[in-house]
Each structure stands twice: as C-alpha cells, then as structure tokens.
Amino acid sequence: MHQSTDLHHTADTFDTCAQLCRSAREAADRALRMRAEATEARLRAVRMRRTMERTKARLRSDDAPGFLRFPATETRRAAVSRTAQLALLTAFVHARLDEENSTADLFHETGCRETGASGCRCPVPERVRHDVTVRHGLARDCEEALHDPDHDACDWPHSELAALLRLKVLALPYELHRQWREEWRP
C-alpha cells in the first residue's frame, strides 16, 4: 500500500514537471515571437525615417519660381550651429512677416479706389500692417534678448529661454511653409 501512494505521488510529480516544461517552451516561443515582432517594428521605423528624410530632401531641392532660398538651409541639420539656427529662425520670421505686409493691399474693401495709396481708409490693410509691425517689434526684441543676454539679471536663463520660445511661437503660424524646420517647433 505504501508503494501505490509513492507511485501516485511520483506520477503527479511527473505530470506537473511535464506541464511546467510545456509552459516554459510556450513562454520561450512567445518571447521569440515578441522579439521578432520588435525587430520588425524597429526596421519599419528605420525605413519610415529614411523615407521621411528622403521626402524632406526632395521637397527642399524642388525650386518653385520666385521662391527665395537661404543658402544656409542647404546644409545638414547636424552641421548647423546654434547661432546659425537662431539666424535662420529670425530670418524666416522676418521674411514671412514681410510677405504678409506686402500682401496687405489685397484686403481692400470693394469700393476702395485708392488701392495701394496712402489715402486709403480701409480698416483691414491698416490692421494687417499694424499687426505685422507689432510682430516685427516682438521678433527684434527676442533677437536682442538672445544676442545680448543680461547675465546679471535675476531671471537671466529664463529670460533668454522665454525669448527663444516667443520667437518660435512667432514662427509657428508659418509651419506649412517650405522653409519651416521641425526644430523650430515650440
């Protein structure tokens, strides 16, 4: 009788061991599948990044008539210093504001005879020009704060960072422009 209990106990132990081995094999198989899926996902991400870089490069190389390109935009991002990035950003903001200022004459009222003349009393072109003038002033203030920071001020690093953020915010409405760079996003 003692032997039958030992045999039953031994059989249960073997069954448990077999179940554990099956579970371990299944877990190892799942781990291998997950590793393979992760590798495939990484490869897809690399391919997508390369495709995006090629697309961006192709879009930058397409020249539209009347489109002015800054010479510095042709360089690679890693080669551009912080100062050059700041110069590109400020030039971008001022160029877009100048474009906006030059198109203000398109917003005259229907009966206005003095389109482009200084005697025009249409409110929209005047408002657009005033808005552009204010934003030009803000951009110049940001440039000044970034080019000549006051290191003795109590909020020195924060004021410089805030000026950079304001300049990026001024550039944000033009994010669909061809010369926009993602590193300018606030």
Protein backbone atom coordinates (compact mmCIF):
# COMPACT_ATOMS: atom_id res chain seq x y z
CA MET A 1 0.00 0.00 0.00
CA HIS A 2 2.82 2.30 0.71
CA GLN A 3 4.21 1.72 -2.79
CA SER A 4 0.97 2.68 -4.55
CA THR A 5 0.92 6.03 -2.71
CA ASP A 6 4.51 6.68 -3.74
CA LEU A 7 3.75 5.73 -7.34
CA HIS A 8 0.70 8.04 -7.38
CA HIS A 9 2.77 10.87 -5.89
CA THR A 10 5.55 10.21 -8.42
CA ALA A 11 3.05 10.24 -11.31
CA ASP A 12 1.66 13.59 -10.14
CA THR A 13 5.18 14.97 -9.93
CA PHE A 14 5.95 13.82 -13.48
CA ASP A 15 2.69 15.35 -14.75
CA THR A 16 3.49 18.63 -13.02
CA CYS A 17 7.01 18.59 -14.43
CA ALA A 18 5.67 17.92 -17.95
CA GLN A 19 3.19 20.79 -17.61
CA LEU A 20 5.94 23.12 -16.41
CA CYS A 21 8.14 22.11 -19.36
CA ARG A 22 5.29 22.78 -21.79
CA SER A 23 4.61 26.15 -20.18
CA ALA A 24 8.31 27.05 -20.34
CA ARG A 25 8.50 26.07 -24.04
CA GLU A 26 5.36 28.13 -24.78
CA ALA A 27 6.79 31.10 -22.89
CA ALA A 28 10.10 30.79 -24.77
CA ASP A 29 8.23 30.61 -28.09
CA ARG A 30 6.17 33.69 -27.17
CA ALA A 31 9.34 35.54 -26.19
CA LEU A 32 10.97 34.67 -29.53
CA ARG A 33 7.88 35.84 -31.45
CA MET A 34 7.78 39.07 -29.46
CA ARG A 35 11.50 39.66 -30.10
CA ALA A 36 10.98 39.06 -33.82
CA GLU A 37 7.99 41.44 -33.88
CA ALA A 38 10.01 44.10 -32.03
CA THR A 39 12.86 43.74 -34.53
CA GLU A 40 10.42 44.08 -37.43
CA ALA A 41 8.88 47.17 -35.81
CA ARG A 42 12.33 48.74 -35.39
CA LEU A 43 13.17 48.02 -39.03
CA ARG A 44 9.86 49.54 -40.16
CA ALA A 45 10.58 52.64 -38.07
CA VAL A 46 14.05 52.98 -39.62
CA ARG A 47 12.59 52.60 -43.12
CA MET A 48 9.91 55.18 -42.37
CA ARG A 49 12.53 57.62 -41.02
CA ARG A 50 14.67 57.17 -44.13
CA THR A 51 11.64 57.68 -46.37
CA MET A 52 10.71 60.85 -44.49
CA GLU A 53 14.29 62.17 -44.75
CA ARG A 54 14.35 61.46 -48.50
CA THR A 55 10.96 63.15 -48.92
CA LYS A 56 12.12 66.20 -46.98
CA ALA A 57 15.32 66.37 -49.01
CA ARG A 58 13.39 66.07 -52.25
CA LEU A 59 10.95 68.80 -51.18
CA ARG A 60 13.82 71.09 -50.23
CA SER A 61 15.54 70.53 -53.56
CA ASP A 62 12.44 71.41 -55.60
CA ASP A 63 12.66 75.02 -56.59
CA ALA A 64 9.49 76.92 -57.39
CA PRO A 65 9.71 80.07 -59.49
CA GLY A 66 10.00 83.17 -57.37
CA PHE A 67 10.97 81.13 -54.31
CA LEU A 68 13.97 82.55 -52.48
CA ARG A 69 16.11 80.05 -50.63
CA PHE A 70 18.54 80.84 -47.85
CA PRO A 71 21.98 79.40 -48.61
CA ALA A 72 22.26 78.04 -45.07
CA THR A 73 19.15 75.86 -45.49
CA GLU A 74 21.08 73.64 -47.87
CA THR A 75 23.38 72.40 -45.09
CA ARG A 76 22.66 69.37 -42.99
CA ARG A 77 20.95 69.88 -39.65
CA ALA A 78 23.79 68.41 -37.58
CA ALA A 79 26.30 70.76 -39.17
CA VAL A 80 24.32 73.90 -38.32
CA SER A 81 25.37 75.60 -35.10
CA ARG A 82 23.00 77.09 -32.54
CA THR A 83 23.85 80.61 -33.71
CA ALA A 84 23.16 79.69 -37.33
CA GLN A 85 19.85 78.07 -36.31
CA LEU A 86 18.88 81.25 -34.49
CA ALA A 87 19.83 83.34 -37.52
CA LEU A 88 17.79 81.08 -39.79
CA LEU A 89 14.79 81.26 -37.47
CA THR A 90 14.87 85.06 -37.21
CA ALA A 91 15.37 85.45 -40.96
CA PHE A 92 12.45 83.06 -41.54
CA VAL A 93 10.16 85.02 -39.20
CA HIS A 94 11.09 88.40 -40.71
CA ALA A 95 10.71 87.11 -44.28
CA ARG A 96 7.24 85.71 -43.56
CA LEU A 97 6.20 88.96 -41.86
CA ASP A 98 7.48 90.96 -44.85
CA GLU A 99 5.44 88.72 -47.16
CA GLU A 100 2.38 89.31 -45.00
CA ASN A 101 2.97 93.07 -45.04
CA SER A 102 3.30 93.11 -48.83
CA THR A 103 0.03 91.20 -49.27
CA ALA A 104 -1.93 93.57 -47.00
CA ASP A 105 -3.05 95.55 -50.09
CA LEU A 106 -5.07 92.54 -51.22
CA PHE A 107 -7.58 93.15 -48.43
CA HIS A 108 -9.13 96.43 -49.56
CA GLU A 109 -12.87 96.89 -49.44
CA THR A 110 -14.80 96.51 -52.66
CA GLY A 111 -15.43 100.19 -53.41
CA CYS A 112 -11.93 101.40 -52.50
CA ARG A 113 -10.39 103.42 -55.34
CA GLU A 114 -7.11 104.18 -53.64
CA THR A 115 -5.70 100.65 -53.52
CA GLY A 116 -2.05 100.88 -52.51
CA ALA A 117 -2.28 104.63 -51.88
CA SER A 118 -1.61 106.20 -48.52
CA GLY A 119 -5.04 107.89 -48.53
CA CYS A 120 -6.92 104.60 -48.26
CA ARG A 121 -9.25 104.33 -45.27
CA CYS A 122 -9.90 100.57 -45.48
CA PRO A 123 -9.54 99.10 -41.96
CA VAL A 124 -8.25 95.63 -42.89
CA PRO A 125 -4.96 96.53 -44.67
CA GLU A 126 -4.18 99.03 -41.94
CA ARG A 127 -4.87 96.42 -39.25
CA VAL A 128 -2.71 93.83 -41.05
CA ARG A 129 0.19 96.29 -41.37
CA HIS A 130 -0.13 97.28 -37.71
CA ASP A 131 -0.16 93.60 -36.65
CA VAL A 132 2.91 92.88 -38.77
CA THR A 133 4.71 95.91 -37.32
CA VAL A 134 3.99 94.72 -33.78
CA ARG A 135 5.20 91.18 -34.56
CA HIS A 136 8.36 92.59 -36.21
CA GLY A 137 9.00 94.51 -32.99
CA LEU A 138 8.47 91.39 -30.89
CA ALA A 139 10.86 89.44 -33.10
CA ARG A 140 13.50 92.19 -32.80
CA ASP A 141 13.09 92.23 -29.01
CA CYS A 142 13.56 88.46 -28.91
CA GLU A 143 16.64 88.70 -31.14
CA GLU A 144 18.13 91.36 -28.88
CA ALA A 145 17.46 89.29 -25.77
CA LEU A 146 19.11 86.26 -27.39
CA HIS A 147 22.11 88.04 -28.93
CA ASP A 148 22.90 90.22 -25.93
CA PRO A 149 21.64 88.43 -22.79
CA ASP A 150 21.88 90.22 -19.45
CA HIS A 151 23.72 87.67 -17.31
CA ASP A 152 23.39 89.87 -14.22
CA ALA A 153 19.59 89.84 -14.30
CA CYS A 154 17.87 87.77 -11.63
CA ASP A 155 15.91 85.81 -14.27
CA TRP A 156 18.79 85.50 -16.73
CA PRO A 157 18.50 81.96 -18.10
CA HIS A 158 14.71 82.07 -18.00
CA SER A 159 14.50 85.36 -19.89
CA GLU A 160 16.74 84.01 -22.65
CA LEU A 161 14.71 80.80 -22.91
CA ALA A 162 11.45 82.77 -22.88
CA ALA A 163 12.74 84.95 -25.74
CA LEU A 164 13.62 81.86 -27.78
CA LEU A 165 10.19 80.38 -27.07
CA ARG A 166 8.47 83.64 -28.13
CA LEU A 167 10.47 83.67 -31.37
CA LYS A 168 9.45 80.07 -32.06
CA VAL A 169 5.81 80.95 -31.34
CA LEU A 170 6.07 83.82 -33.83
CA ALA A 171 7.28 81.33 -36.45
CA LEU A 172 4.64 78.69 -35.68
CA PRO A 173 1.82 80.08 -37.91
CA TYR A 174 4.12 79.51 -40.90
CA GLU A 175 4.82 75.82 -40.18
CA LEU A 176 3.38 74.76 -43.55
CA HIS A 177 5.90 76.92 -45.41
CA ARG A 178 8.55 75.05 -47.38
CA GLN A 179 11.43 76.53 -45.36
CA TRP A 180 9.95 75.51 -41.99
CA ARG A 181 12.12 73.26 -39.84
CA GLU A 182 10.78 70.96 -37.17
CA GLU A 183 13.41 72.05 -34.63
CA TRP A 184 11.68 75.47 -34.60
CA ARG A 185 8.52 73.98 -33.10
CA PRO A 186 8.00 75.39 -29.57
